[in-house]
Amino acid sequence: MNNYKNRSVRHPGVGRFLLAATVLALLSVSCRQQQPVQLVGEAQGTYYSILYYDAQQRDLQPQIDSLLDAFDLSASLWVDSSLLRRINANLTDSLDNILHTLLSHSSFVEEYTGGAFNCRVGRLVQAWGFSFKERSEPDSAALAAMLQAVNDTFSFDSLRVHKSPATEFDFNAIAQGYSVDLLARMFDSLGIESYLINVGGEVIAHGKKANGKPWAVGIERPAENRYSAPDVEISIPLVDRSVVTSGSYRKYYEKDGVKYSHTIDPATGRPVTHSLLSVSVVEDECWLADAMATAYMVMGLDWAKAFIAAHPEGPGTDAVFFIYDSCGTMKSYATPAFKQLIKN
């Protein structure tokens, strides 16, 4: 179905909170250097900010918006008429290129992470109140039925997907990253070699700034709550890489004094409850950074550390984690590969 397991990966990252990765030091140019083009807009229920150097100074906003609109019509759960919504409602089994790719990528990451990542959690995400439907926390019988759907097998080819009627796909943990990759391909096809794309905090950087320096991207320190102002904790240089942050501190709801994270554990069918606040992953492709960040949020720090140690040459080795320790103090853990990235 895919060949990701055989690729050589060098230590290369329900939506994401809006300022997961704050772009820093975007402009550092003199009047003699080429001026960048900067575009901002809205898509996928969030914002985008794109900066690029183009000798022709082209305004690519119409093409960008068109691509993102087409992406939503395929893979969004928030668009009633999207192909994904129709597949989940068992109205069609047809696939387009976007959904076929998302299924292929998701299948790879599910196998690679031992099930920590799972794209069949759609009904669970809805039940716990992190979707377009009203919250209806499941009782034990309903939870068992939904877990069965999560574990049901499915198959697909380039044209069709075959699933059980109860299975509902949710690509929120990978789709936005893939949309960033598609935008990057568009820029590449237009001969634009230096750009920084940020869609809802999911970032890809290609080439360098006009002054020859790498793009600088900030990773946010986990905030006290969803309303707190962003505070950059770490700035990292990015050249031909992506970074995605997944966290539990901006997307949650409270009931009876309990915070429910938007990250659902496919094994239990419940929101995760461990002390991991956020994880940022740097990867060559944004979809992979996106998916691995979510998988680590499911795993928690201890499992994630053991997983990375067992897969030193695989995806997801460049990562930084923020946790609460046993005393309630926020601490961070950076993998050796991530530490090396900062040094560079």
C-alpha atoms as a PDB file:
ATOM      1  CA  MET A   1       0.000   0.000   0.000  1.00  0.00           C
ATOM      2  CA  ASN A   2       2.963   2.243   0.648  1.00  0.00           C
ATOM      3  CA  ASN A   3       6.738   2.070   0.840  1.00  0.00           C
ATOM      4  CA  TYR A   4       7.461   4.396   3.766  1.00  0.00           C
ATOM      5  CA  LYS A   5       8.919   1.639   5.922  1.00  0.00           C
ATOM      6  CA  ASN A   6      11.675   1.089   3.396  1.00  0.00           C
ATOM      7  CA  ARG A   7      12.674   4.697   2.972  1.00  0.00           C
ATOM      8  CA  SER A   8      15.836   6.015   4.599  1.00  0.00           C
ATOM      9  CA  VAL A   9      14.885   8.761   7.039  1.00  0.00           C
ATOM     10  CA  ARG A  10      17.660  10.993   8.293  1.00  0.00           C
ATOM     11  CA  HIS A  11      17.161  12.775  11.638  1.00  0.00           C
ATOM     12  CA  PRO A  12      15.214  15.195   9.944  1.00  0.00           C
ATOM     13  CA  GLY A  13       7.722  17.269  12.690  1.00  0.00           C
ATOM     14  CA  VAL A  14      -9.292  18.413  15.449  1.00  0.00           C
ATOM     15  CA  GLY A  15      -6.939  21.080  14.107  1.00  0.00           C
ATOM     16  CA  ARG A  16      -4.140  22.542  16.037  1.00  0.00           C
ATOM     17  CA  PHE A  17      -4.145  25.491  18.385  1.00  0.00           C
ATOM     18  CA  LEU A  18      -3.703  28.612  16.340  1.00  0.00           C
ATOM     19  CA  LEU A  19      -0.336  29.761  17.598  1.00  0.00           C
ATOM     20  CA  ALA A  20       1.327  26.397  18.057  1.00  0.00           C
ATOM     21  CA  ALA A  21       4.348  27.554  16.105  1.00  0.00           C
ATOM     22  CA  THR A  22       4.846  31.308  16.005  1.00  0.00           C
ATOM     23  CA  VAL A  23       6.873  32.521  13.070  1.00  0.00           C
ATOM     24  CA  LEU A  24       9.824  34.636  14.171  1.00  0.00           C
ATOM     25  CA  ALA A  25      12.233  36.956  12.444  1.00  0.00           C
ATOM     26  CA  LEU A  26      10.445  36.790   9.146  1.00  0.00           C
ATOM     27  CA  LEU A  27      11.901  39.952   7.718  1.00  0.00           C
ATOM     28  CA  SER A  28      15.566  40.703   7.846  1.00  0.00           C
ATOM     29  CA  VAL A  29      16.263  42.375   4.535  1.00  0.00           C
ATOM     30  CA  SER A  30      17.940  45.550   3.403  1.00  0.00           C
ATOM     31  CA  CYS A  31      16.644  47.863   0.709  1.00  0.00           C
ATOM     32  CA  ARG A  32      19.070  46.250  -1.721  1.00  0.00           C
ATOM     33  CA  GLN A  33      17.681  42.777  -1.141  1.00  0.00           C
ATOM     34  CA  GLN A  34      14.657  41.291  -2.801  1.00  0.00           C
ATOM     35  CA  GLN A  35      11.481  42.155  -0.942  1.00  0.00           C
ATOM     36  CA  PRO A  36       9.278  39.244   0.106  1.00  0.00           C
ATOM     37  CA  VAL A  37       5.623  38.783  -0.721  1.00  0.00           C
ATOM     38  CA  GLN A  38       3.473  38.200   2.364  1.00  0.00           C
ATOM     39  CA  LEU A  39      -0.070  36.849   2.228  1.00  0.00           C
ATOM     40  CA  VAL A  40      -2.560  36.142   5.011  1.00  0.00           C
ATOM     41  CA  GLY A  41      -5.989  34.565   4.860  1.00  0.00           C
ATOM     42  CA  GLU A  42      -8.418  32.111   6.405  1.00  0.00           C
ATOM     43  CA  ALA A  43      -8.862  28.422   5.651  1.00  0.00           C
ATOM     44  CA  GLN A  44      -9.777  25.188   7.420  1.00  0.00           C
ATOM     45  CA  GLY A  45     -11.314  27.061  10.331  1.00  0.00           C
ATOM     46  CA  THR A  46      -8.037  28.812  11.077  1.00  0.00           C
ATOM     47  CA  TYR A  47      -5.645  31.283   9.488  1.00  0.00           C
ATOM     48  CA  TYR A  48      -2.695  31.048   7.158  1.00  0.00           C
ATOM     49  CA  SER A  49       0.363  33.255   6.760  1.00  0.00           C
ATOM     50  CA  ILE A  50       2.720  32.773   3.831  1.00  0.00           C
ATOM     51  CA  LEU A  51       5.927  34.602   2.994  1.00  0.00           C
ATOM     52  CA  TYR A  52       7.938  33.994  -0.157  1.00  0.00           C
ATOM     53  CA  TYR A  53      10.602  35.525  -2.358  1.00  0.00           C
ATOM     54  CA  ASP A  54       9.613  35.765  -6.001  1.00  0.00           C
ATOM     55  CA  ALA A  55      11.531  37.745  -8.613  1.00  0.00           C
ATOM     56  CA  GLN A  56       8.225  38.301 -10.439  1.00  0.00           C
ATOM     57  CA  GLN A  57       6.461  39.476  -7.249  1.00  0.00           C
ATOM     58  CA  ARG A  58       3.412  37.374  -8.172  1.00  0.00           C
ATOM     59  CA  ASP A  59       0.280  37.502  -6.056  1.00  0.00           C
ATOM     60  CA  LEU A  60      -0.502  33.822  -5.516  1.00  0.00           C
ATOM     61  CA  GLN A  61      -3.415  34.287  -3.130  1.00  0.00           C
ATOM     62  CA  PRO A  62      -6.081  33.174  -5.651  1.00  0.00           C
ATOM     63  CA  GLN A  63      -4.195  29.921  -6.305  1.00  0.00           C
ATOM     64  CA  ILE A  64      -3.613  29.372  -2.585  1.00  0.00           C
ATOM     65  CA  ASP A  65      -7.263  29.919  -1.702  1.00  0.00           C
ATOM     66  CA  SER A  66      -8.392  27.698  -4.563  1.00  0.00           C
ATOM     67  CA  LEU A  67      -6.137  24.859  -3.419  1.00  0.00           C
ATOM     68  CA  LEU A  68      -7.279  25.121   0.191  1.00  0.00           C
ATOM     69  CA  ASP A  69     -10.955  25.318  -0.807  1.00  0.00           C
ATOM     70  CA  ALA A  70     -10.586  22.186  -2.928  1.00  0.00           C
ATOM     71  CA  PHE A  71      -8.839  20.468  -0.036  1.00  0.00           C
ATOM     72  CA  ASP A  72     -11.766  21.243   2.284  1.00  0.00           C
ATOM     73  CA  LEU A  73     -14.251  19.878  -0.235  1.00  0.00           C
ATOM     74  CA  SER A  74     -12.335  16.625  -0.076  1.00  0.00           C
ATOM     75  CA  ALA A  75     -11.128  16.108   3.492  1.00  0.00           C
ATOM     76  CA  SER A  76     -12.940  18.500   5.836  1.00  0.00           C
ATOM     77  CA  LEU A  77     -15.388  17.250   8.442  1.00  0.00           C
ATOM     78  CA  TRP A  78     -16.750  20.793   8.763  1.00  0.00           C
ATOM     79  CA  VAL A  79     -18.002  21.002   5.178  1.00  0.00           C
ATOM     80  CA  ASP A  80     -21.343  19.213   4.881  1.00  0.00           C
ATOM     81  CA  SER A  81     -20.822  18.279   1.247  1.00  0.00           C
ATOM     82  CA  SER A  82     -17.200  17.147   1.542  1.00  0.00           C
ATOM     83  CA  LEU A  83     -16.258  13.772   0.119  1.00  0.00           C
ATOM     84  CA  LEU A  84     -15.103  12.645   3.568  1.00  0.00           C
ATOM     85  CA  ARG A  85     -18.484  13.444   5.129  1.00  0.00           C
ATOM     86  CA  ARG A  86     -20.221  11.466   2.376  1.00  0.00           C
ATOM     87  CA  ILE A  87     -17.898   8.490   2.852  1.00  0.00           C
ATOM     88  CA  ASN A  88     -18.487   8.518   6.607  1.00  0.00           C
ATOM     89  CA  ALA A  89     -22.246   8.623   5.996  1.00  0.00           C
ATOM     90  CA  ASN A  90     -21.896   5.598   3.667  1.00  0.00           C
ATOM     91  CA  LEU A  91     -23.230   7.606   0.716  1.00  0.00           C
ATOM     92  CA  THR A  92     -20.219   6.772  -1.440  1.00  0.00           C
ATOM     93  CA  ASP A  93     -17.067   4.696  -1.383  1.00  0.00           C
ATOM     94  CA  SER A  94     -15.241   6.692  -4.051  1.00  0.00           C
ATOM     95  CA  LEU A  95     -11.876   8.288  -3.314  1.00  0.00           C
ATOM     96  CA  ASP A  96     -10.068  11.237  -4.810  1.00  0.00           C
ATOM     97  CA  ASN A  97      -6.294  11.708  -4.782  1.00  0.00           C
ATOM     98  CA  ILE A  98      -6.336  13.654  -1.511  1.00  0.00           C
ATOM     99  CA  LEU A  99      -8.285  11.076   0.498  1.00  0.00           C
ATOM    100  CA  HIS A 100      -6.377   8.198  -1.054  1.00  0.00           C
ATOM    101  CA  THR A 101      -3.120   9.824   0.040  1.00  0.00           C
ATOM    102  CA  LEU A 102      -4.439  10.552   3.540  1.00  0.00           C
ATOM    103  CA  LEU A 103      -5.549   6.941   3.944  1.00  0.00           C
ATOM    104  CA  SER A 104      -2.160   5.708   2.746  1.00  0.00           C
ATOM    105  CA  HIS A 105      -0.209   8.037   5.037  1.00  0.00           C
ATOM    106  CA  SER A 106      -2.488   7.264   7.996  1.00  0.00           C
ATOM    107  CA  SER A 107      -2.121   3.519   7.494  1.00  0.00           C
ATOM    108  CA  PHE A 108       1.640   3.850   7.532  1.00  0.00           C
ATOM    109  CA  VAL A 109       1.727   5.899  10.742  1.00  0.00           C
ATOM    110  CA  GLU A 110      -0.775   3.583  12.471  1.00  0.00           C
ATOM    111  CA  GLU A 111       1.424   0.577  11.736  1.00  0.00           C
ATOM    112  CA  TYR A 112       4.635   2.431  12.584  1.00  0.00           C
ATOM    113  CA  THR A 113       3.345   3.678  15.969  1.00  0.00           C
ATOM    114  CA  GLY A 114       1.675   0.453  17.005  1.00  0.00           C
ATOM    115  CA  GLY A 115      -1.794   1.979  16.827  1.00  0.00           C
ATOM    116  CA  ALA A 116      -1.122   5.186  18.767  1.00  0.00           C
ATOM    117  CA  PHE A 117      -2.205   6.983  15.608  1.00  0.00           C
ATOM    118  CA  ASN A 118      -5.568   5.916  14.197  1.00  0.00           C
ATOM    119  CA  CYS A 119      -7.690   7.717  11.591  1.00  0.00           C
ATOM    120  CA  ARG A 120     -10.850   5.737  12.476  1.00  0.00           C
ATOM    121  CA  VAL A 121     -11.608   7.664  15.684  1.00  0.00           C
ATOM    122  CA  GLY A 122     -14.261   9.840  14.062  1.00  0.00           C
ATOM    123  CA  ARG A 123     -17.197   8.658  16.159  1.00  0.00           C
ATOM    124  CA  LEU A 124     -15.159   8.944  19.367  1.00  0.00           C
ATOM    125  CA  VAL A 125     -14.059  12.501  18.588  1.00  0.00           C
ATOM    126  CA  GLN A 126     -17.686  13.432  18.010  1.00  0.00           C
ATOM    127  CA  ALA A 127     -18.907  11.732  21.179  1.00  0.00           C
ATOM    128  CA  TRP A 128     -16.416  13.584  23.345  1.00  0.00           C
ATOM    129  CA  GLY A 129     -17.432  16.926  21.880  1.00  0.00           C
ATOM    130  CA  PHE A 130     -14.556  17.813  19.560  1.00  0.00           C
ATOM    131  CA  SER A 131     -16.355  17.949  16.231  1.00  0.00           C
ATOM    132  CA  PHE A 132     -19.290  19.443  14.398  1.00  0.00           C
ATOM    133  CA  LYS A 133     -21.761  17.419  16.482  1.00  0.00           C
ATOM    134  CA  GLU A 134     -23.028  18.119  19.991  1.00  0.00           C
ATOM    135  CA  ARG A 135     -21.269  16.426  22.868  1.00  0.00           C
ATOM    136  CA  SER A 136     -22.790  13.143  24.029  1.00  0.00           C
ATOM    137  CA  GLU A 137     -20.316  11.443  26.348  1.00  0.00           C
ATOM    138  CA  PRO A 138     -20.597   7.701  25.736  1.00  0.00           C
ATOM    139  CA  ASP A 139     -21.632   5.186  28.361  1.00  0.00           C
ATOM    140  CA  SER A 140     -19.737   1.890  28.576  1.00  0.00           C
ATOM    141  CA  ALA A 141     -21.905   0.128  25.968  1.00  0.00           C
ATOM    142  CA  ALA A 142     -21.671   2.988  23.478  1.00  0.00           C
ATOM    143  CA  LEU A 143     -17.933   3.268  24.075  1.00  0.00           C
ATOM    144  CA  ALA A 144     -17.450  -0.436  23.385  1.00  0.00           C
ATOM    145  CA  ALA A 145     -19.369  -0.131  20.107  1.00  0.00           C
ATOM    146  CA  MET A 146     -17.295   2.841  18.995  1.00  0.00           C
ATOM    147  CA  LEU A 147     -14.057   1.098  19.919  1.00  0.00           C
ATOM    148  CA  GLN A 148     -15.152  -1.796  17.726  1.00  0.00           C
ATOM    149  CA  ALA A 149     -15.492   0.640  14.810  1.00  0.00           C
ATOM    150  CA  VAL A 150     -12.036   2.039  15.583  1.00  0.00           C
ATOM    151  CA  ASN A 151     -10.562  -1.460  15.396  1.00  0.00           C
ATOM    152  CA  ASP A 152     -12.508  -2.615  12.332  1.00  0.00           C
ATOM    153  CA  THR A 153     -10.344  -3.414   9.344  1.00  0.00           C
ATOM    154  CA  PHE A 154     -10.691  -1.539   6.090  1.00  0.00           C
ATOM    155  CA  SER A 155      -9.094  -1.621   2.674  1.00  0.00           C
ATOM    156  CA  PHE A 156      -8.703   0.789  -0.195  1.00  0.00           C
ATOM    157  CA  ASP A 157      -7.183   1.269  -3.598  1.00  0.00           C
ATOM    158  CA  SER A 158      -6.728   4.373  -5.692  1.00  0.00           C
ATOM    159  CA  LEU A 159     -10.445   4.554  -6.487  1.00  0.00           C
ATOM    160  CA  ARG A 160     -12.447   3.183  -3.555  1.00  0.00           C
ATOM    161  CA  VAL A 161     -12.426   2.498   0.171  1.00  0.00           C
ATOM    162  CA  HIS A 162     -14.090  -0.499   1.780  1.00  0.00           C
ATOM    163  CA  LYS A 163     -15.067  -0.105   5.434  1.00  0.00           C
ATOM    164  CA  SER A 164     -17.722  -1.169   7.900  1.00  0.00           C
ATOM    165  CA  PRO A 165     -20.798   1.091   8.024  1.00  0.00           C
ATOM    166  CA  ALA A 166     -19.925   2.095  11.607  1.00  0.00           C
ATOM    167  CA  THR A 167     -16.413   3.293  10.793  1.00  0.00           C
ATOM    168  CA  GLU A 168     -15.942   7.056  10.442  1.00  0.00           C
ATOM    169  CA  PHE A 169     -12.627   8.531   9.393  1.00  0.00           C
ATOM    170  CA  ASP A 170     -11.167  11.661  10.970  1.00  0.00           C
ATOM    171  CA  PHE A 171      -8.026  13.099   9.386  1.00  0.00           C
ATOM    172  CA  ASN A 172      -7.710  16.174  11.600  1.00  0.00           C
ATOM    173  CA  ALA A 173      -4.409  14.861  12.955  1.00  0.00           C
ATOM    174  CA  ILE A 174      -2.778  14.695   9.539  1.00  0.00           C
ATOM    175  CA  ALA A 175      -4.826  16.590   6.945  1.00  0.00           C
ATOM    176  CA  GLN A 176      -3.730  20.125   7.766  1.00  0.00           C
ATOM    177  CA  GLY A 177      -0.102  19.081   7.580  1.00  0.00           C
ATOM    178  CA  TYR A 178      -0.729  17.485   4.207  1.00  0.00           C
ATOM    179  CA  SER A 179      -2.409  20.663   2.940  1.00  0.00           C
ATOM    180  CA  VAL A 180       0.785  22.541   3.844  1.00  0.00           C
ATOM    181  CA  ASP A 181       2.787  20.018   1.817  1.00  0.00           C
ATOM    182  CA  LEU A 182       0.481  20.558  -1.162  1.00  0.00           C
ATOM    183  CA  LEU A 183       1.001  24.312  -0.943  1.00  0.00           C
ATOM    184  CA  ALA A 184       4.751  23.723  -0.841  1.00  0.00           C
ATOM    185  CA  ARG A 185       4.525  21.608  -3.996  1.00  0.00           C
ATOM    186  CA  MET A 186       2.626  24.407  -5.694  1.00  0.00           C
ATOM    187  CA  PHE A 187       5.386  26.889  -4.851  1.00  0.00           C
ATOM    188  CA  ASP A 188       8.027  24.434  -6.051  1.00  0.00           C
ATOM    189  CA  SER A 189       6.188  23.987  -9.355  1.00  0.00           C
ATOM    190  CA  LEU A 190       6.187  27.770  -9.846  1.00  0.00           C
ATOM    191  CA  GLY A 191       9.947  27.948  -9.415  1.00  0.00           C
ATOM    192  CA  ILE A 192       9.776  29.691  -6.035  1.00  0.00           C
ATOM    193  CA  GLU A 193      12.688  28.404  -3.985  1.00  0.00           C
ATOM    194  CA  SER A 194      12.395  30.359  -0.737  1.00  0.00           C
ATOM    195  CA  TYR A 195       9.167  30.389   1.253  1.00  0.00           C
ATOM    196  CA  LEU A 196       7.649  29.992   4.681  1.00  0.00           C
ATOM    197  CA  ILE A 197       4.125  28.542   4.905  1.00  0.00           C
ATOM    198  CA  ASN A 198       2.144  28.600   8.143  1.00  0.00           C
ATOM    199  CA  VAL A 199      -1.377  27.147   8.197  1.00  0.00           C
ATOM    200  CA  GLY A 200      -2.858  27.236  11.684  1.00  0.00           C
ATOM    201  CA  GLY A 201       0.567  26.869  13.282  1.00  0.00           C
ATOM    202  CA  GLU A 202       1.737  24.025  11.022  1.00  0.00           C
ATOM    203  CA  VAL A 203       4.847  25.291   9.303  1.00  0.00           C
ATOM    204  CA  ILE A 204       7.086  24.360   6.413  1.00  0.00           C
ATOM    205  CA  ALA A 205      10.204  26.330   5.467  1.00  0.00           C
ATOM    206  CA  HIS A 206      12.019  26.003   2.154  1.00  0.00           C
ATOM    207  CA  GLY A 207      15.283  27.616   1.188  1.00  0.00           C
ATOM    208  CA  LYS A 208      16.596  30.553   3.169  1.00  0.00           C
ATOM    209  CA  LYS A 209      15.784  34.204   3.710  1.00  0.00           C
ATOM    210  CA  ALA A 210      17.202  36.871   1.419  1.00  0.00           C
ATOM    211  CA  ASN A 211      20.076  37.475   3.833  1.00  0.00           C
ATOM    212  CA  GLY A 212      21.131  33.827   3.524  1.00  0.00           C
ATOM    213  CA  LYS A 213      20.007  32.872   7.022  1.00  0.00           C
ATOM    214  CA  PRO A 214      17.602  30.028   7.831  1.00  0.00           C
ATOM    215  CA  TRP A 215      13.995  30.766   8.583  1.00  0.00           C
ATOM    216  CA  ALA A 216      13.445  31.034  12.352  1.00  0.00           C
ATOM    217  CA  VAL A 217      10.327  29.487  13.874  1.00  0.00           C
ATOM    218  CA  GLY A 218       9.256  29.742  17.489  1.00  0.00           C
ATOM    219  CA  ILE A 219       7.748  26.919  19.537  1.00  0.00           C
ATOM    220  CA  GLU A 220       5.210  28.086  22.062  1.00  0.00           C
ATOM    221  CA  ARG A 221       5.488  27.436  25.758  1.00  0.00           C
ATOM    222  CA  PRO A 222       2.309  25.643  26.903  1.00  0.00           C
ATOM    223  CA  ALA A 223      -0.072  28.264  28.246  1.00  0.00           C
ATOM    224  CA  GLU A 224      -2.206  28.091  31.368  1.00  0.00           C
ATOM    225  CA  ASN A 225      -5.390  27.970  29.305  1.00  0.00           C
ATOM    226  CA  ARG A 226      -6.767  28.531  25.807  1.00  0.00           C
ATOM    227  CA  TYR A 227      -7.087  32.273  26.379  1.00  0.00           C
ATOM    228  CA  SER A 228      -3.486  32.908  27.436  1.00  0.00           C
ATOM    229  CA  ALA A 229      -1.280  34.974  25.167  1.00  0.00           C
ATOM    230  CA  PRO A 230       1.365  32.953  23.302  1.00  0.00           C
ATOM    231  CA  ASP A 231       4.847  32.896  24.778  1.00  0.00           C
ATOM    232  CA  VAL A 232       7.683  31.579  22.615  1.00  0.00           C
ATOM    233  CA  GLU A 233       9.892  29.128  24.494  1.00  0.00           C
ATOM    234  CA  ILE A 234      12.314  27.937  21.796  1.00  0.00           C
ATOM    235  CA  SER A 235      13.371  29.348  18.434  1.00  0.00           C
ATOM    236  CA  ILE A 236      14.601  26.843  15.887  1.00  0.00           C
ATOM    237  CA  PRO A 237      16.229  27.313  12.466  1.00  0.00           C
ATOM    238  CA  LEU A 238      14.393  25.627   9.598  1.00  0.00           C
ATOM    239  CA  VAL A 239      15.664  24.934   6.091  1.00  0.00           C
ATOM    240  CA  ASP A 240      13.653  22.511   3.940  1.00  0.00           C
ATOM    241  CA  ARG A 241      11.899  21.187   7.046  1.00  0.00           C
ATOM    242  CA  SER A 242       8.529  21.285   8.770  1.00  0.00           C
ATOM    243  CA  VAL A 243       7.470  21.714  12.387  1.00  0.00           C
ATOM    244  CA  VAL A 244       4.121  20.887  13.978  1.00  0.00           C
ATOM    245  CA  THR A 245       3.021  21.203  17.594  1.00  0.00           C
ATOM    246  CA  SER A 246       0.242  19.182  19.172  1.00  0.00           C
ATOM    247  CA  GLY A 247      -0.978  20.021  22.652  1.00  0.00           C
ATOM    248  CA  SER A 248      -3.760  19.619  25.155  1.00  0.00           C
ATOM    249  CA  TYR A 249      -3.786  23.073  26.742  1.00  0.00           C
ATOM    250  CA  ARG A 250      -5.737  25.059  24.147  1.00  0.00           C
ATOM    251  CA  LYS A 251      -8.206  22.446  22.890  1.00  0.00           C
ATOM    252  CA  TYR A 252     -10.173  20.936  25.730  1.00  0.00           C
ATOM    253  CA  TYR A 253     -13.389  21.359  27.643  1.00  0.00           C
ATOM    254  CA  GLU A 254     -14.143  21.252  31.345  1.00  0.00           C
ATOM    255  CA  LYS A 255     -16.963  19.449  33.116  1.00  0.00           C
ATOM    256  CA  ASP A 256     -17.350  19.026  36.871  1.00  0.00           C
ATOM    257  CA  GLY A 257     -13.835  20.347  37.364  1.00  0.00           C
ATOM    258  CA  VAL A 258     -12.270  17.832  34.936  1.00  0.00           C
ATOM    259  CA  LYS A 259     -10.416  18.887  31.786  1.00  0.00           C
ATOM    260  CA  TYR A 260     -11.013  16.663  28.741  1.00  0.00           C
ATOM    261  CA  SER A 261      -8.243  16.776  26.142  1.00  0.00           C
ATOM    262  CA  HIS A 262      -9.109  16.749  22.437  1.00  0.00           C
ATOM    263  CA  THR A 263      -6.538  13.963  21.944  1.00  0.00           C
ATOM    264  CA  ILE A 264      -8.375  10.626  21.985  1.00  0.00           C
ATOM    265  CA  ASP A 265      -6.528   7.419  22.858  1.00  0.00           C
ATOM    266  CA  PRO A 266      -7.601   4.818  20.252  1.00  0.00           C
ATOM    267  CA  ALA A 267      -6.925   2.032  22.752  1.00  0.00           C
ATOM    268  CA  THR A 268      -9.293   3.278  25.458  1.00  0.00           C
ATOM    269  CA  GLY A 269     -11.657   5.458  23.453  1.00  0.00           C
ATOM    270  CA  ARG A 270     -11.188   8.235  26.012  1.00  0.00           C
ATOM    271  CA  PRO A 271      -9.310  11.540  26.085  1.00  0.00           C
ATOM    272  CA  VAL A 272      -5.715  11.130  27.232  1.00  0.00           C
ATOM    273  CA  THR A 273      -5.049  11.907  30.904  1.00  0.00           C
ATOM    274  CA  HIS A 274      -1.253  11.851  31.209  1.00  0.00           C
ATOM    275  CA  SER A 275       0.960  14.816  32.091  1.00  0.00           C
ATOM    276  CA  LEU A 276       2.178  15.593  28.579  1.00  0.00           C
ATOM    277  CA  LEU A 277       1.137  19.142  27.687  1.00  0.00           C
ATOM    278  CA  SER A 278       2.536  19.468  24.182  1.00  0.00           C
ATOM    279  CA  VAL A 279       4.998  17.999  21.739  1.00  0.00           C
ATOM    280  CA  SER A 280       6.624  19.599  18.707  1.00  0.00           C
ATOM    281  CA  VAL A 281       8.035  17.438  15.935  1.00  0.00           C
ATOM    282  CA  VAL A 282      10.363  18.483  13.123  1.00  0.00           C
ATOM    283  CA  GLU A 283      10.245  16.450   9.921  1.00  0.00           C
ATOM    284  CA  ASP A 284      10.894  16.788   6.213  1.00  0.00           C
ATOM    285  CA  GLU A 285       7.194  16.515   5.379  1.00  0.00           C
ATOM    286  CA  CYS A 286       4.516  18.382   7.291  1.00  0.00           C
ATOM    287  CA  TRP A 287       1.947  15.558   7.201  1.00  0.00           C
ATOM    288  CA  LEU A 288       4.428  13.278   8.941  1.00  0.00           C
ATOM    289  CA  ALA A 289       5.296  15.861  11.594  1.00  0.00           C
ATOM    290  CA  ASP A 290       1.563  16.367  12.134  1.00  0.00           C
ATOM    291  CA  ALA A 291       0.782  12.683  12.558  1.00  0.00           C
ATOM    292  CA  MET A 292       3.792  11.913  14.761  1.00  0.00           C
ATOM    293  CA  ALA A 293       3.021  14.832  17.081  1.00  0.00           C
ATOM    294  CA  THR A 294      -0.479  13.418  17.605  1.00  0.00           C
ATOM    295  CA  ALA A 295       0.867   9.893  18.124  1.00  0.00           C
ATOM    296  CA  TYR A 296       3.237  11.163  20.826  1.00  0.00           C
ATOM    297  CA  MET A 297       0.379  13.025  22.537  1.00  0.00           C
ATOM    298  CA  VAL A 298      -1.423   9.680  22.733  1.00  0.00           C
ATOM    299  CA  MET A 299       1.664   7.854  23.967  1.00  0.00           C
ATOM    300  CA  GLY A 300       2.731  10.262  26.697  1.00  0.00           C
ATOM    301  CA  LEU A 301       6.355  11.055  27.439  1.00  0.00           C
ATOM    302  CA  ASP A 302       7.608   7.712  28.775  1.00  0.00           C
ATOM    303  CA  TRP A 303       6.221   5.638  25.911  1.00  0.00           C
ATOM    304  CA  ALA A 304       7.320   8.250  23.387  1.00  0.00           C
ATOM    305  CA  LYS A 305      10.897   8.251  24.734  1.00  0.00           C
ATOM    306  CA  ALA A 306      11.038   4.462  24.575  1.00  0.00           C
ATOM    307  CA  PHE A 307       9.556   4.510  21.073  1.00  0.00           C
ATOM    308  CA  ILE A 308      12.142   7.011  19.797  1.00  0.00           C
ATOM    309  CA  ALA A 309      14.974   5.030  21.370  1.00  0.00           C
ATOM    310  CA  ALA A 310      13.703   1.912  19.576  1.00  0.00           C
ATOM    311  CA  HIS A 311      13.431   3.752  16.223  1.00  0.00           C
ATOM    312  CA  PRO A 312      16.565   5.952  16.090  1.00  0.00           C
ATOM    313  CA  GLU A 313      16.551   6.155  12.279  1.00  0.00           C
ATOM    314  CA  GLY A 314      12.806   6.465  11.804  1.00  0.00           C
ATOM    315  CA  PRO A 315      10.434   9.410  11.555  1.00  0.00           C
ATOM    316  CA  GLY A 316       9.763  11.577  14.575  1.00  0.00           C
ATOM    317  CA  THR A 317      13.190  11.591  16.198  1.00  0.00           C
ATOM    318  CA  ASP A 318      13.448  15.417  16.261  1.00  0.00           C
ATOM    319  CA  ALA A 319      11.007  16.301  19.036  1.00  0.00           C
ATOM    320  CA  VAL A 320      10.610  18.407  22.171  1.00  0.00           C
ATOM    321  CA  PHE A 321       8.080  17.597  24.899  1.00  0.00           C
ATOM    322  CA  PHE A 322       6.573  19.773  27.631  1.00  0.00           C
ATOM    323  CA  ILE A 323       5.178  18.054  30.718  1.00  0.00           C
ATOM    324  CA  TYR A 324       4.078  18.629  34.288  1.00  0.00           C
ATOM    325  CA  ASP A 325       6.273  16.735  36.725  1.00  0.00           C
ATOM    326  CA  SER A 326       5.007  15.132  39.933  1.00  0.00           C
ATOM    327  CA  CYS A 327       5.250  18.493  41.724  1.00  0.00           C
ATOM    328  CA  GLY A 328       3.193  20.292  39.087  1.00  0.00           C
ATOM    329  CA  THR A 329       6.214  22.098  37.633  1.00  0.00           C
ATOM    330  CA  MET A 330       6.453  22.483  33.867  1.00  0.00           C
ATOM    331  CA  LYS A 331       9.520  20.873  32.374  1.00  0.00           C
ATOM    332  CA  SER A 332      10.753  20.031  28.896  1.00  0.00           C
ATOM    333  CA  TYR A 333      12.512  17.082  27.330  1.00  0.00           C
ATOM    334  CA  ALA A 334      14.285  17.407  23.985  1.00  0.00           C
ATOM    335  CA  THR A 335      15.519  14.409  22.020  1.00  0.00           C
ATOM    336  CA  PRO A 336      19.216  14.324  21.088  1.00  0.00           C
ATOM    337  CA  ALA A 337      18.300  14.985  17.450  1.00  0.00           C
ATOM    338  CA  PHE A 338      16.255  18.036  18.431  1.00  0.00           C
ATOM    339  CA  LYS A 339      19.118  19.375  20.559  1.00  0.00           C
ATOM    340  CA  GLN A 340      21.420  19.031  17.574  1.00  0.00           C
ATOM    341  CA  LEU A 341      18.943  20.951  15.434  1.00  0.00           C
ATOM    342  CA  ILE A 342      19.011  23.887  17.852  1.00  0.00           C
ATOM    343  CA  LYS A 343      22.819  23.891  17.890  1.00  0.00           C
ATOM    344  CA  ASN A 344      22.845  24.221  14.141  1.00  0.00           C
END
